[in-house]
Amino acid sequence: MHYIIRNRVGEYTTRRKMRTVIQRVRKASVSVDGKAVSTIGQGLLLLLGIEATDAEEDIQWLCHKVLGLRIFDDEEGVMNRSIMDIDGEIIVVSQFTLMASYKKGNRPSWIRAAGHEHAVPMYERFLEVLSEGLGKQVGKGIFGAEMQVELINDGPVTICMDTKNKK
C-alpha cells in the first residue's frame, strides 16, 4: 500500500522509507538542557528518521523487526538473543538528519524528512507500538529538542534499517 502525500516543499510522492539506526548498548541516556530525560541499562538505542510518506505499516514492520532482532549474545557468545529474550530496555530518539539527501554539493538537504505535523504523531505511535511489544515503557528523547545522547556501545553492534528494504 502506498500513499500519495506532499513532502516539505509541496511535491507529491509515493516513496516511503522510515529509517532507523539501531545500536546495542550497555547503557544510554538522553539529556536536554543538562537534565536526563531518559536513561536505560542494557538494551538498544534507536535513532529514528521519518519521511512524509511513512505510514502505520512502516511502524508495525519496523517495530516487529527491532523486537525480534537477534543481536545479543547467548551463553556461548553467539548473537542469538533478542531484546525480548534478555528483558532489555530501549530508548528511541527522533532524528530527522537520518533522512539527509547528499546528492548535490556538500551541504545536506532534509527535504525528505517529515514535517512536525506528520512526524510527531508517527514518532509517538512508534513509541506506543514498541512499548506494547516490549511489555514496558520505552525511553524517549524530546521531539525537536537539542538533545545530548550518551551511550556505551556494546560490541560495537550497529545496524541501519529502513522500511524500503524489507528483504
Protein backbone atom coordinates (compact mmCIF):
# COMPACT_ATOMS: atom_id res chain seq x y z
CA MET A 1 0.00 0.00 0.00
CA HIS A 2 1.41 3.38 -0.99
CA TYR A 3 0.10 6.77 -0.01
CA ILE A 4 0.38 9.91 -2.09
CA ILE A 5 1.49 12.60 0.33
CA ARG A 6 3.00 16.02 -0.07
CA ASN A 7 6.55 16.42 1.27
CA ARG A 8 8.00 19.52 2.99
CA VAL A 9 8.32 21.51 -0.25
CA GLY A 10 4.92 20.64 -1.65
CA GLU A 11 5.97 17.88 -4.03
CA TYR A 12 3.78 14.78 -4.17
CA THR A 13 5.45 11.44 -3.68
CA THR A 14 4.61 7.78 -3.03
CA ARG A 15 8.08 6.83 -1.79
CA ARG A 16 8.19 5.57 1.79
CA LYS A 17 11.21 4.89 3.94
CA MET A 18 11.16 5.07 7.70
CA ARG A 19 14.80 4.70 8.74
CA THR A 20 16.47 3.69 11.98
CA VAL A 21 19.98 3.21 13.29
CA ILE A 22 19.99 0.50 15.96
CA GLN A 23 22.84 0.40 18.47
CA ARG A 24 23.33 -2.33 21.05
CA VAL A 25 24.28 -0.58 24.29
CA ARG A 26 25.38 -1.40 27.80
CA LYS A 27 23.71 1.82 28.88
CA ALA A 28 22.43 5.02 27.28
CA SER A 29 20.83 8.31 28.22
CA VAL A 30 19.26 11.35 26.61
CA SER A 31 19.56 14.80 28.18
CA VAL A 32 18.02 18.16 27.37
CA ASP A 33 19.42 21.34 28.90
CA GLY A 34 21.76 19.26 31.06
CA LYS A 35 18.93 17.19 32.59
CA ALA A 36 18.49 13.48 31.87
CA VAL A 37 15.07 12.83 30.32
CA SER A 38 15.60 9.11 29.72
CA THR A 39 18.12 6.52 30.90
CA ILE A 40 18.43 2.80 30.22
CA GLY A 41 20.72 -0.08 31.10
CA GLN A 42 21.48 -2.93 28.69
CA GLY A 43 19.44 -2.73 25.53
CA LEU A 44 19.04 -0.72 22.34
CA LEU A 45 19.39 2.91 21.38
CA LEU A 46 17.35 3.70 18.25
CA LEU A 47 17.74 6.83 16.16
CA LEU A 48 14.55 7.21 14.10
CA GLY A 49 14.04 9.17 10.90
CA ILE A 50 10.54 9.67 9.47
CA GLU A 51 9.53 10.65 5.92
CA ALA A 52 6.33 12.45 4.99
CA THR A 53 5.03 9.30 3.28
CA ASP A 54 5.60 6.89 6.17
CA ALA A 55 2.51 5.10 7.41
CA GLU A 56 1.25 2.68 10.09
CA GLU A 57 2.53 -0.35 8.17
CA ASP A 58 6.07 1.08 8.35
CA ILE A 59 5.76 1.42 12.12
CA GLN A 60 4.41 -2.11 12.53
CA TRP A 61 7.09 -3.69 10.33
CA LEU A 62 9.99 -1.80 11.88
CA CYS A 63 8.88 -2.40 15.49
CA HIS A 64 8.44 -6.11 14.76
CA LYS A 65 11.97 -6.29 13.28
CA VAL A 66 13.55 -4.37 16.17
CA LEU A 67 11.90 -6.54 18.83
CA GLY A 68 12.88 -9.77 17.09
CA LEU A 69 16.40 -8.80 16.02
CA ARG A 70 18.80 -11.38 17.50
CA ILE A 71 21.88 -9.30 18.28
CA PHE A 72 22.51 -10.19 21.93
CA ASP A 73 24.87 -12.99 22.92
CA ASP A 74 23.66 -16.33 24.25
CA GLU A 75 25.61 -18.48 26.73
CA GLU A 76 28.10 -19.48 24.01
CA GLY A 77 28.78 -15.90 22.90
CA VAL A 78 26.72 -16.23 19.71
CA MET A 79 24.35 -13.40 18.74
CA ASN A 80 21.20 -15.43 19.17
CA ARG A 81 19.01 -13.45 21.58
CA SER A 82 16.61 -10.59 21.03
CA ILE A 83 15.85 -7.59 23.23
CA MET A 84 12.81 -9.58 24.42
CA ASP A 85 14.95 -12.59 25.37
CA ILE A 86 17.27 -10.53 27.57
CA ASP A 87 14.48 -8.35 29.07
CA GLY A 88 16.41 -5.31 27.84
CA GLU A 89 15.43 -1.68 27.56
CA ILE A 90 15.08 0.68 24.60
CA ILE A 91 15.49 4.44 24.04
CA VAL A 92 14.17 5.98 20.80
CA VAL A 93 15.47 9.37 19.66
CA SER A 94 13.86 11.18 16.74
CA GLN A 95 16.49 12.28 14.24
CA PHE A 96 15.41 13.99 11.04
CA THR A 97 19.04 14.14 9.84
CA LEU A 98 18.83 10.41 9.02
CA MET A 99 16.75 11.49 6.02
CA ALA A 100 19.58 13.61 4.58
CA SER A 101 19.93 13.90 0.83
CA TYR A 102 23.54 14.50 -0.21
CA LYS A 103 23.48 14.06 -3.98
CA LYS A 104 24.41 17.64 -4.82
CA GLY A 105 27.21 19.59 -3.21
CA ASN A 106 28.44 19.21 0.33
CA ARG A 107 25.50 20.66 2.24
CA PRO A 108 22.88 18.01 3.10
CA SER A 109 19.22 18.65 2.43
CA TRP A 110 16.48 17.33 4.69
CA ILE A 111 13.70 17.80 2.18
CA ARG A 112 12.62 14.15 2.59
CA ALA A 113 12.18 14.43 6.35
CA ALA A 114 8.58 14.67 7.51
CA GLY A 115 7.37 17.97 8.93
CA HIS A 116 6.20 18.18 12.56
CA GLU A 117 2.52 17.70 11.66
CA HIS A 118 3.25 14.19 10.37
CA ALA A 119 6.45 13.26 12.22
CA VAL A 120 5.26 13.89 15.79
CA PRO A 121 2.22 11.58 15.63
CA MET A 122 4.26 8.95 13.79
CA TYR A 123 7.03 9.13 16.42
CA GLU A 124 4.52 8.86 19.27
CA ARG A 125 2.81 5.92 17.57
CA PHE A 126 6.19 4.20 17.04
CA LEU A 127 6.91 4.57 20.78
CA GLU A 128 3.46 3.19 21.63
CA VAL A 129 3.77 0.12 19.38
CA LEU A 130 7.33 -0.59 20.55
CA SER A 131 6.34 -0.24 24.24
CA GLU A 132 3.37 -2.57 23.77
CA GLY A 133 5.57 -5.17 22.08
CA LEU A 134 8.35 -4.87 24.66
CA GLY A 135 5.92 -5.05 27.55
CA LYS A 136 7.33 -1.98 29.24
CA GLN A 137 7.79 1.71 28.66
CA VAL A 138 10.32 2.70 26.02
CA GLY A 139 12.59 5.65 26.82
CA LYS A 140 12.49 8.67 24.53
CA GLY A 141 14.01 11.99 23.78
CA ILE A 142 12.04 15.21 23.36
CA PHE A 143 10.92 15.66 19.78
CA GLY A 144 12.57 18.67 18.16
CA ALA A 145 14.74 19.50 21.18
CA GLU A 146 18.50 19.92 21.12
CA MET A 147 19.50 16.66 22.81
CA GLN A 148 22.70 15.17 24.12
CA VAL A 149 22.83 11.41 23.67
CA GLU A 150 25.33 9.37 25.68
CA LEU A 151 25.93 5.67 25.25
CA ILE A 152 28.31 2.87 25.86
CA ASN A 153 28.14 0.90 22.63
CA ASP A 154 28.29 -2.85 23.25
CA GLY A 155 30.37 -4.71 20.67
CA PRO A 156 30.03 -2.37 18.90
CA VAL A 157 26.90 -3.60 17.16
CA THR A 158 25.23 -1.02 14.92
CA ILE A 159 22.59 -1.82 12.30
CA CYS A 160 20.94 0.51 9.82
CA MET A 161 17.45 -0.49 8.74
CA ASP A 162 14.74 1.09 6.64
CA THR A 163 11.29 0.05 5.56
CA LYS A 164 12.05 0.40 1.86
CA ASN A 165 14.49 -2.55 2.02
CA LYS A 166 12.40 -5.24 3.69
CA LYS A 167 14.33 -8.18 2.23
